[in-house]
PDB file of N, CA and C in Angstrom:
ATOM      1  N   MET A   1     140.483   2.469  89.448  1.00  0.00           N
ATOM      2  CA  MET A   1     139.069   2.753  90.249  1.00  0.00           C
ATOM      3  C   MET A   1     138.202   1.356  90.322  1.00  0.00           C
ATOM      4  N   ASN A   2     137.678   0.306  91.197  1.00  0.00           N
ATOM      5  CA  ASN A   2     137.225  -0.585  91.487  1.00  0.00           C
ATOM      6  C   ASN A   2     135.513  -0.753  90.733  1.00  0.00           C
ATOM      7  N   ILE A   3     134.955  -1.748  90.536  1.00  0.00           N
ATOM      8  CA  ILE A   3     134.137  -2.113  89.986  1.00  0.00           C
ATOM      9  C   ILE A   3     133.078  -2.820  90.824  1.00  0.00           C
ATOM     10  N   LYS A   4     132.486  -2.922  91.229  1.00  0.00           N
ATOM     11  CA  LYS A   4     131.262  -3.175  92.543  1.00  0.00           C
ATOM     12  C   LYS A   4     130.054  -3.307  91.807  1.00  0.00           C
ATOM     13  N   PRO A   5     129.880  -4.977  91.838  1.00  0.00           N
ATOM     14  CA  PRO A   5     128.845  -4.982  90.547  1.00  0.00           C
ATOM     15  C   PRO A   5     127.628  -5.170  91.652  1.00  0.00           C
ATOM     16  N   LEU A   6     126.257  -5.041  90.786  1.00  0.00           N
ATOM     17  CA  LEU A   6     125.023  -4.845  92.302  1.00  0.00           C
ATOM     18  C   LEU A   6     124.444  -5.876  91.784  1.00  0.00           C
ATOM     19  N   ALA A   7     123.161  -6.304  92.882  1.00  0.00           N
ATOM     20  CA  ALA A   7     122.544  -7.907  92.724  1.00  0.00           C
ATOM     21  C   ALA A   7     122.736  -8.999  92.256  1.00  0.00           C
ATOM     22  N   ASP A   8     122.581  -9.455  90.902  1.00  0.00           N
ATOM     23  CA  ASP A   8     122.685 -10.550  90.498  1.00  0.00           C
ATOM     24  C   ASP A   8     124.473 -10.873  90.214  1.00  0.00           C
ATOM     25  N   ARG A   9     124.966  -9.350  89.711  1.00  0.00           N
ATOM     26  CA  ARG A   9     125.789  -9.505  88.143  1.00  0.00           C
ATOM     27  C   ARG A   9     127.091  -9.900  88.953  1.00  0.00           C
ATOM     28  N   VAL A  10     128.058  -9.825  87.986  1.00  0.00           N
ATOM     29  CA  VAL A  10     129.291 -10.642  87.939  1.00  0.00           C
ATOM     30  C   VAL A  10     130.416 -10.043  87.027  1.00  0.00           C
ATOM     31  N   VAL A  11     131.062  -9.340  87.232  1.00  0.00           N
ATOM     32  CA  VAL A  11     132.393  -8.732  86.605  1.00  0.00           C
ATOM     33  C   VAL A  11     133.794  -9.537  86.529  1.00  0.00           C
ATOM     34  N   LEU A  12     133.461  -9.730  84.810  1.00  0.00           N
ATOM     35  CA  LEU A  12     134.954 -11.150  84.373  1.00  0.00           C
ATOM     36  C   LEU A  12     135.648 -10.541  83.254  1.00  0.00           C
ATOM     37  N   LYS A  13     136.910 -10.817  83.844  1.00  0.00           N
ATOM     38  CA  LYS A  13     138.382 -10.525  82.818  1.00  0.00           C
ATOM     39  C   LYS A  13     138.057 -11.684  81.888  1.00  0.00           C
ATOM     40  N   MET A  14     137.972 -11.287  80.287  1.00  0.00           N
ATOM     41  CA  MET A  14     138.163 -12.581  79.622  1.00  0.00           C
ATOM     42  C   MET A  14     139.612 -13.450  79.587  1.00  0.00           C
ATOM     43  N   LEU A  15     139.953 -14.540  79.156  1.00  0.00           N
ATOM     44  CA  LEU A  15     140.906 -14.797  79.070  1.00  0.00           C
ATOM     45  C   LEU A  15     141.430 -14.920  77.595  1.00  0.00           C
ATOM     46  N   GLU A  16     142.411 -14.875  77.274  1.00  0.00           N
ATOM     47  CA  GLU A  16     143.157 -14.723  76.017  1.00  0.00           C
ATOM     48  C   GLU A  16     142.290 -15.870  74.900  1.00  0.00           C
ATOM     49  N   ALA A  17     142.115 -15.610  73.779  1.00  0.00           N
ATOM     50  CA  ALA A  17     141.801 -16.326  72.974  1.00  0.00           C
ATOM     51  C   ALA A  17     142.799 -17.767  72.116  1.00  0.00           C
ATOM     52  N   GLU A  18     142.918 -18.558  71.293  1.00  0.00           N
ATOM     53  CA  GLU A  18     143.728 -19.466  71.300  1.00  0.00           C
ATOM     54  C   GLU A  18     144.152 -18.597  70.053  1.00  0.00           C
ATOM     55  N   GLU A  19     145.870 -18.895  69.911  1.00  0.00           N
ATOM     56  CA  GLU A  19     146.318 -18.433  68.992  1.00  0.00           C
ATOM     57  C   GLU A  19     146.736 -19.467  67.764  1.00  0.00           C
ATOM     58  N   THR A  20     146.600 -20.468  67.819  1.00  0.00           N
ATOM     59  CA  THR A  20     146.836 -21.523  67.150  1.00  0.00           C
ATOM     60  C   THR A  20     146.095 -22.581  67.224  1.00  0.00           C
ATOM     61  N   THR A  21     145.669 -23.209  66.443  1.00  0.00           N
ATOM     62  CA  THR A  21     144.842 -24.555  66.350  1.00  0.00           C
ATOM     63  C   THR A  21     145.588 -25.819  66.746  1.00  0.00           C
ATOM     64  N   LYS A  22     144.944 -26.903  67.252  1.00  0.00           N
ATOM     65  CA  LYS A  22     145.385 -28.157  67.570  1.00  0.00           C
ATOM     66  C   LYS A  22     146.833 -28.572  66.601  1.00  0.00           C
ATOM     67  N   SER A  23     146.134 -28.571  65.322  1.00  0.00           N
ATOM     68  CA  SER A  23     147.135 -29.123  64.875  1.00  0.00           C
ATOM     69  C   SER A  23     148.258 -27.668  64.424  1.00  0.00           C
ATOM     70  N   GLY A  24     148.091 -26.665  65.126  1.00  0.00           N
ATOM     71  CA  GLY A  24     149.586 -25.652  64.512  1.00  0.00           C
ATOM     72  C   GLY A  24     149.242 -24.797  63.460  1.00  0.00           C
ATOM     73  N   ILE A  25     147.809 -24.535  63.088  1.00  0.00           N
ATOM     74  CA  ILE A  25     147.490 -23.173  62.222  1.00  0.00           C
ATOM     75  C   ILE A  25     147.405 -22.267  63.331  1.00  0.00           C
ATOM     76  N   ILE A  26     148.565 -21.584  63.108  1.00  0.00           N
ATOM     77  CA  ILE A  26     148.686 -19.982  63.366  1.00  0.00           C
ATOM     78  C   ILE A  26     147.388 -18.902  62.812  1.00  0.00           C
ATOM     79  N   LEU A  27     146.430 -18.614  63.567  1.00  0.00           N
ATOM     80  CA  LEU A  27     145.366 -17.881  63.553  1.00  0.00           C
ATOM     81  C   LEU A  27     145.775 -16.380  63.506  1.00  0.00           C
ATOM     82  N   THR A  28     144.834 -15.730  62.672  1.00  0.00           N
ATOM     83  CA  THR A  28     144.874 -14.180  62.582  1.00  0.00           C
ATOM     84  C   THR A  28     143.549 -14.075  63.751  1.00  0.00           C
ATOM     85  N   SER A  29     143.830 -12.457  63.758  1.00  0.00           N
ATOM     86  CA  SER A  29     143.078 -11.937  65.459  1.00  0.00           C
ATOM     87  C   SER A  29     141.464 -11.938  64.666  1.00  0.00           C
ATOM     88  N   LYS A  30     141.100 -11.743  63.199  1.00  0.00           N
ATOM     89  CA  LYS A  30     140.078 -11.974  62.846  1.00  0.00           C
ATOM     90  C   LYS A  30     139.252 -13.634  62.746  1.00  0.00           C
ATOM     91  N   ALA A  31     140.071 -13.925  62.730  1.00  0.00           N
ATOM     92  CA  ALA A  31     140.080 -15.515  62.886  1.00  0.00           C
ATOM     93  C   ALA A  31     140.183 -16.133  63.908  1.00  0.00           C
ATOM     94  N   GLN A  32     139.820 -15.866  65.000  1.00  0.00           N
ATOM     95  CA  GLN A  32     140.187 -16.458  66.382  1.00  0.00           C
ATOM     96  C   GLN A  32     138.654 -16.096  67.107  1.00  0.00           C
ATOM     97  N   GLU A  33     138.366 -17.079  67.395  1.00  0.00           N
ATOM     98  CA  GLU A  33     136.598 -16.998  68.304  1.00  0.00           C
ATOM     99  C   GLU A  33     137.212 -16.351  69.603  1.00  0.00           C
ATOM    100  N   LYS A  34     135.460 -15.956  69.270  1.00  0.00           N
ATOM    101  CA  LYS A  34     135.295 -14.541  70.844  1.00  0.00           C
ATOM    102  C   LYS A  34     135.687 -15.712  71.870  1.00  0.00           C
ATOM    103  N   PRO A  35     136.282 -15.597  72.951  1.00  0.00           N
ATOM    104  CA  PRO A  35     136.602 -16.485  74.265  1.00  0.00           C
ATOM    105  C   PRO A  35     135.282 -16.274  74.696  1.00  0.00           C
ATOM    106  N   GLN A  36     135.218 -17.454  75.058  1.00  0.00           N
ATOM    107  CA  GLN A  36     133.678 -18.202  76.419  1.00  0.00           C
ATOM    108  C   GLN A  36     134.436 -17.789  77.917  1.00  0.00           C
ATOM    109  N   VAL A  37     135.663 -18.303  77.655  1.00  0.00           N
ATOM    110  CA  VAL A  37     135.879 -18.780  79.160  1.00  0.00           C
ATOM    111  C   VAL A  37     136.667 -16.889  79.677  1.00  0.00           C
ATOM    112  N   ALA A  38     136.488 -17.258  80.858  1.00  0.00           N
ATOM    113  CA  ALA A  38     136.581 -15.950  81.717  1.00  0.00           C
ATOM    114  C   ALA A  38     136.971 -16.233  83.584  1.00  0.00           C
ATOM    115  N   GLU A  39     137.289 -15.051  84.239  1.00  0.00           N
ATOM    116  CA  GLU A  39     137.673 -15.151  85.305  1.00  0.00           C
ATOM    117  C   GLU A  39     137.091 -14.215  85.997  1.00  0.00           C
ATOM    118  N   ILE A  40     136.501 -14.551  87.142  1.00  0.00           N
ATOM    119  CA  ILE A  40     135.712 -13.921  88.036  1.00  0.00           C
ATOM    120  C   ILE A  40     136.558 -12.834  88.629  1.00  0.00           C
ATOM    121  N   VAL A  41     136.573 -11.248  88.712  1.00  0.00           N
ATOM    122  CA  VAL A  41     137.045 -10.432  89.818  1.00  0.00           C
ATOM    123  C   VAL A  41     136.265  -9.827  90.685  1.00  0.00           C
ATOM    124  N   ALA A  42     134.643  -9.825  90.653  1.00  0.00           N
ATOM    125  CA  ALA A  42     134.129  -9.148  91.515  1.00  0.00           C
ATOM    126  C   ALA A  42     132.934  -9.988  91.025  1.00  0.00           C
ATOM    127  N   VAL A  43     131.868 -10.036  92.552  1.00  0.00           N
ATOM    128  CA  VAL A  43     130.908 -10.810  92.424  1.00  0.00           C
ATOM    129  C   VAL A  43     129.626  -9.693  93.257  1.00  0.00           C
ATOM    130  N   GLY A  44     128.456 -10.114  92.657  1.00  0.00           N
ATOM    131  CA  GLY A  44     127.574  -9.019  93.314  1.00  0.00           C
ATOM    132  C   GLY A  44     127.342  -9.707  94.942  1.00  0.00           C
ATOM    133  N   PRO A  45     126.005  -9.276  95.542  1.00  0.00           N
ATOM    134  CA  PRO A  45     126.029  -9.404  96.919  1.00  0.00           C
ATOM    135  C   PRO A  45     124.846 -10.280  96.519  1.00  0.00           C
ATOM    136  N   GLY A  46     123.539 -10.574  95.301  1.00  0.00           N
ATOM    137  CA  GLY A  46     123.112 -11.253  95.112  1.00  0.00           C
ATOM    138  C   GLY A  46     121.510 -10.893  95.909  1.00  0.00           C
ATOM    139  N   GLY A  47     120.561 -10.938  96.181  1.00  0.00           N
ATOM    140  CA  GLY A  47     119.644 -10.547  96.972  1.00  0.00           C
ATOM    141  C   GLY A  47     118.310 -10.809  96.074  1.00  0.00           C
ATOM    142  N   LEU A  48     117.496 -10.208  96.607  1.00  0.00           N
ATOM    143  CA  LEU A  48     116.029 -10.477  95.729  1.00  0.00           C
ATOM    144  C   LEU A  48     115.719  -9.867  94.107  1.00  0.00           C
ATOM    145  N   VAL A  49     116.037 -10.608  92.890  1.00  0.00           N
ATOM    146  CA  VAL A  49     116.054 -10.374  91.545  1.00  0.00           C
ATOM    147  C   VAL A  49     114.485 -10.843  91.183  1.00  0.00           C
ATOM    148  N   ASP A  50     114.239  -9.290  90.535  1.00  0.00           N
ATOM    149  CA  ASP A  50     112.579  -9.707  89.898  1.00  0.00           C
ATOM    150  C   ASP A  50     111.394 -10.638  91.178  1.00  0.00           C
ATOM    151  N   GLY A  51     111.471 -10.123  92.144  1.00  0.00           N
ATOM    152  CA  GLY A  51     111.040 -10.773  93.367  1.00  0.00           C
ATOM    153  C   GLY A  51     111.246 -12.517  93.638  1.00  0.00           C
ATOM    154  N   LYS A  52     112.332 -12.821  93.482  1.00  0.00           N
ATOM    155  CA  LYS A  52     113.105 -14.201  93.842  1.00  0.00           C
ATOM    156  C   LYS A  52     114.567 -13.853  94.376  1.00  0.00           C
ATOM    157  N   GLU A  53     114.844 -14.829  95.566  1.00  0.00           N
ATOM    158  CA  GLU A  53     115.878 -14.257  96.453  1.00  0.00           C
ATOM    159  C   GLU A  53     116.968 -15.296  95.196  1.00  0.00           C
ATOM    160  N   VAL A  54     117.703 -14.692  95.398  1.00  0.00           N
ATOM    161  CA  VAL A  54     119.365 -14.914  94.775  1.00  0.00           C
ATOM    162  C   VAL A  54     120.213 -15.403  95.312  1.00  0.00           C
ATOM    163  N   LYS A  55     120.858 -16.812  95.395  1.00  0.00           N
ATOM    164  CA  LYS A  55     122.418 -16.783  95.934  1.00  0.00           C
ATOM    165  C   LYS A  55     123.330 -16.976  95.263  1.00  0.00           C
ATOM    166  N   MET A  56     124.593 -16.327  95.052  1.00  0.00           N
ATOM    167  CA  MET A  56     125.777 -16.336  94.439  1.00  0.00           C
ATOM    168  C   MET A  56     126.370 -17.662  94.354  1.00  0.00           C
ATOM    169  N   GLU A  57     126.381 -18.555  93.409  1.00  0.00           N
ATOM    170  CA  GLU A  57     127.060 -19.766  92.823  1.00  0.00           C
ATOM    171  C   GLU A  57     128.391 -19.454  92.659  1.00  0.00           C
ATOM    172  N   VAL A  58     128.961 -18.554  92.533  1.00  0.00           N
ATOM    173  CA  VAL A  58     129.899 -18.203  92.189  1.00  0.00           C
ATOM    174  C   VAL A  58     130.959 -17.210  92.869  1.00  0.00           C
ATOM    175  N   SER A  59     132.552 -17.521  92.712  1.00  0.00           N
ATOM    176  CA  SER A  59     133.303 -16.484  93.739  1.00  0.00           C
ATOM    177  C   SER A  59     134.459 -16.171  92.971  1.00  0.00           C
ATOM    178  N   VAL A  60     135.240 -14.534  93.643  1.00  0.00           N
ATOM    179  CA  VAL A  60     135.985 -14.350  92.624  1.00  0.00           C
ATOM    180  C   VAL A  60     137.241 -15.345  92.360  1.00  0.00           C
ATOM    181  N   GLY A  61     138.011 -15.277  91.652  1.00  0.00           N
ATOM    182  CA  GLY A  61     138.706 -16.058  90.851  1.00  0.00           C
ATOM    183  C   GLY A  61     138.311 -17.182  90.449  1.00  0.00           C
ATOM    184  N   ASP A  62     137.293 -17.874  90.401  1.00  0.00           N
ATOM    185  CA  ASP A  62     136.686 -18.968  89.494  1.00  0.00           C
ATOM    186  C   ASP A  62     136.898 -18.670  88.143  1.00  0.00           C
ATOM    187  N   LYS A  63     137.129 -19.610  87.241  1.00  0.00           N
ATOM    188  CA  LYS A  63     137.184 -19.485  85.919  1.00  0.00           C
ATOM    189  C   LYS A  63     135.780 -20.149  85.252  1.00  0.00           C
ATOM    190  N   VAL A  64     135.120 -19.369  84.646  1.00  0.00           N
ATOM    191  CA  VAL A  64     133.150 -19.510  84.548  1.00  0.00           C
ATOM    192  C   VAL A  64     133.817 -19.703  82.827  1.00  0.00           C
ATOM    193  N   LEU A  65     132.657 -20.571  82.566  1.00  0.00           N
ATOM    194  CA  LEU A  65     132.112 -20.529  80.857  1.00  0.00           C
ATOM    195  C   LEU A  65     131.039 -19.912  80.528  1.00  0.00           C
ATOM    196  N   MET A  66     130.813 -18.772  79.638  1.00  0.00           N
ATOM    197  CA  MET A  66     129.796 -18.135  79.946  1.00  0.00           C
ATOM    198  C   MET A  66     129.166 -17.805  78.119  1.00  0.00           C
ATOM    199  N   SER A  67     127.755 -17.656  77.812  1.00  0.00           N
ATOM    200  CA  SER A  67     127.300 -17.715  77.017  1.00  0.00           C
ATOM    201  C   SER A  67     128.003 -16.553  75.860  1.00  0.00           C
ATOM    202  N   LYS A  68     127.964 -17.020  74.540  1.00  0.00           N
ATOM    203  CA  LYS A  68     129.290 -16.386  73.857  1.00  0.00           C
ATOM    204  C   LYS A  68     128.723 -14.959  73.847  1.00  0.00           C
ATOM    205  N   TYR A  69     127.632 -14.510  73.299  1.00  0.00           N
ATOM    206  CA  TYR A  69     127.181 -12.914  73.052  1.00  0.00           C
ATOM    207  C   TYR A  69     126.825 -12.242  74.823  1.00  0.00           C
ATOM    208  N   ALA A  70     126.880 -12.961  75.518  1.00  0.00           N
ATOM    209  CA  ALA A  70     126.396 -12.680  77.014  1.00  0.00           C
ATOM    210  C   ALA A  70     127.159 -10.777  77.847  1.00  0.00           C
ATOM    211  N   GLY A  71     126.128 -10.325  78.367  1.00  0.00           N
ATOM    212  CA  GLY A  71     126.855  -9.385  79.306  1.00  0.00           C
ATOM    213  C   GLY A  71     127.244  -8.019  78.309  1.00  0.00           C
ATOM    214  N   THR A  72     127.793  -7.085  78.917  1.00  0.00           N
ATOM    215  CA  THR A  72     128.080  -6.101  78.799  1.00  0.00           C
ATOM    216  C   THR A  72     129.486  -5.351  78.973  1.00  0.00           C
ATOM    217  N   GLU A  73     130.559  -5.086  77.638  1.00  0.00           N
ATOM    218  CA  GLU A  73     131.835  -5.072  78.154  1.00  0.00           C
ATOM    219  C   GLU A  73     131.957  -3.494  77.873  1.00  0.00           C
ATOM    220  N   VAL A  74     132.814  -3.274  79.221  1.00  0.00           N
ATOM    221  CA  VAL A  74     133.151  -2.144  80.022  1.00  0.00           C
ATOM    222  C   VAL A  74     135.010  -2.062  79.313  1.00  0.00           C
ATOM    223  N   LYS A  75     135.130  -0.749  79.408  1.00  0.00           N
ATOM    224  CA  LYS A  75     136.765  -0.542  79.649  1.00  0.00           C
ATOM    225  C   LYS A  75     137.120   0.367  80.901  1.00  0.00           C
ATOM    226  N   VAL A  76     137.734  -0.007  81.907  1.00  0.00           N
ATOM    227  CA  VAL A  76     138.159   0.581  83.011  1.00  0.00           C
ATOM    228  C   VAL A  76     139.585   1.030  83.263  1.00  0.00           C
ATOM    229  N   ASP A  77     140.103   2.022  83.655  1.00  0.00           N
ATOM    230  CA  ASP A  77     141.575   2.215  83.534  1.00  0.00           C
ATOM    231  C   ASP A  77     142.162   1.207  82.595  1.00  0.00           C
ATOM    232  N   GLY A  78     142.004   1.279  81.266  1.00  0.00           N
ATOM    233  CA  GLY A  78     141.915   0.735  80.350  1.00  0.00           C
ATOM    234  C   GLY A  78     142.312  -0.636  79.837  1.00  0.00           C
ATOM    235  N   GLU A  79     141.614  -1.383  81.167  1.00  0.00           N
ATOM    236  CA  GLU A  79     141.253  -2.935  80.836  1.00  0.00           C
ATOM    237  C   GLU A  79     139.969  -2.962  80.699  1.00  0.00           C
ATOM    238  N   GLU A  80     139.646  -4.036  80.149  1.00  0.00           N
ATOM    239  CA  GLU A  80     138.616  -4.515  79.216  1.00  0.00           C
ATOM    240  C   GLU A  80     137.821  -5.377  80.419  1.00  0.00           C
ATOM    241  N   TYR A  81     136.466  -5.270  80.910  1.00  0.00           N
ATOM    242  CA  TYR A  81     135.700  -6.191  81.214  1.00  0.00           C
ATOM    243  C   TYR A  81     134.332  -6.826  80.597  1.00  0.00           C
ATOM    244  N   THR A  82     133.818  -7.387  81.018  1.00  0.00           N
ATOM    245  CA  THR A  82     132.577  -7.967  80.961  1.00  0.00           C
ATOM    246  C   THR A  82     131.335  -8.092  82.079  1.00  0.00           C
ATOM    247  N   ILE A  83     130.737  -7.445  82.413  1.00  0.00           N
ATOM    248  CA  ILE A  83     129.034  -7.383  82.995  1.00  0.00           C
ATOM    249  C   ILE A  83     128.019  -8.120  82.779  1.00  0.00           C
ATOM    250  N   LEU A  84     127.980  -9.204  83.872  1.00  0.00           N
ATOM    251  CA  LEU A  84     126.898  -9.765  82.967  1.00  0.00           C
ATOM    252  C   LEU A  84     126.250 -10.504  84.528  1.00  0.00           C
ATOM    253  N   ARG A  85     124.838 -11.462  84.079  1.00  0.00           N
ATOM    254  CA  ARG A  85     124.454 -11.492  85.308  1.00  0.00           C
ATOM    255  C   ARG A  85     124.539 -13.156  85.605  1.00  0.00           C
ATOM    256  N   GLN A  86     124.590 -13.495  86.419  1.00  0.00           N
ATOM    257  CA  GLN A  86     125.188 -14.682  87.128  1.00  0.00           C
ATOM    258  C   GLN A  86     124.397 -15.811  86.439  1.00  0.00           C
ATOM    259  N   SER A  87     123.112 -15.309  85.356  1.00  0.00           N
ATOM    260  CA  SER A  87     122.627 -16.827  85.162  1.00  0.00           C
ATOM    261  C   SER A  87     122.763 -17.175  83.352  1.00  0.00           C
ATOM    262  N   ASP A  88     123.716 -15.802  83.072  1.00  0.00           N
ATOM    263  CA  ASP A  88     124.614 -16.340  82.127  1.00  0.00           C
ATOM    264  C   ASP A  88     125.537 -16.735  81.897  1.00  0.00           C
ATOM    265  N   ILE A  89     125.965 -17.229  83.396  1.00  0.00           N
ATOM    266  CA  ILE A  89     127.415 -18.463  83.226  1.00  0.00           C
ATOM    267  C   ILE A  89     126.812 -19.595  83.170  1.00  0.00           C
ATOM    268  N   LEU A  90     127.418 -20.090  82.187  1.00  0.00           N
ATOM    269  CA  LEU A  90     126.785 -22.065  82.047  1.00  0.00           C
ATOM    270  C   LEU A  90     127.655 -22.890  83.120  1.00  0.00           C
ATOM    271  N   ALA A  91     129.047 -22.662  83.423  1.00  0.00           N
ATOM    272  CA  ALA A  91     129.440 -23.426  84.315  1.00  0.00           C
ATOM    273  C   ALA A  91     130.961 -22.853  84.868  1.00  0.00           C
ATOM    274  N   ILE A  92     130.802 -23.672  85.858  1.00  0.00           N
ATOM    275  CA  ILE A  92     132.600 -23.224  86.716  1.00  0.00           C
ATOM    276  C   ILE A  92     133.543 -24.308  85.805  1.00  0.00           C
ATOM    277  N   VAL A  93     135.016 -23.986  85.572  1.00  0.00           N
ATOM    278  CA  VAL A  93     135.623 -24.728  84.913  1.00  0.00           C
ATOM    279  C   VAL A  93     136.588 -25.154  85.743  1.00  0.00           C
ATOM    280  N   GLU A  94     136.598 -26.191  86.105  1.00  0.00           N
ATOM    281  CA  GLU A  94     138.053 -27.170  87.269  1.00  0.00           C
ATOM    282  C   GLU A  94     139.185 -27.241  86.358  1.00  0.00           C
TER     283      GLU A  94
END
């Protein structure tokens, strides 16, 4: 099944959280922070949103930094995705 976002929404696949600290301490799953870096797997067409023209600035394959608790988490075919508005994306990671 494919997910096709509408308007200014994007579908993200979260990247794995760090399992060790920079000093080498291994973290349990509860101690790990929720990841904020994700890869875009689908992008909506943009268009009119709330009466304003929205141009999509991101594309499929971009790695992005997003707001910590933004979006809606969904599970499709056993994979977890996050769907959010483009405005909840903070930056593109290069």
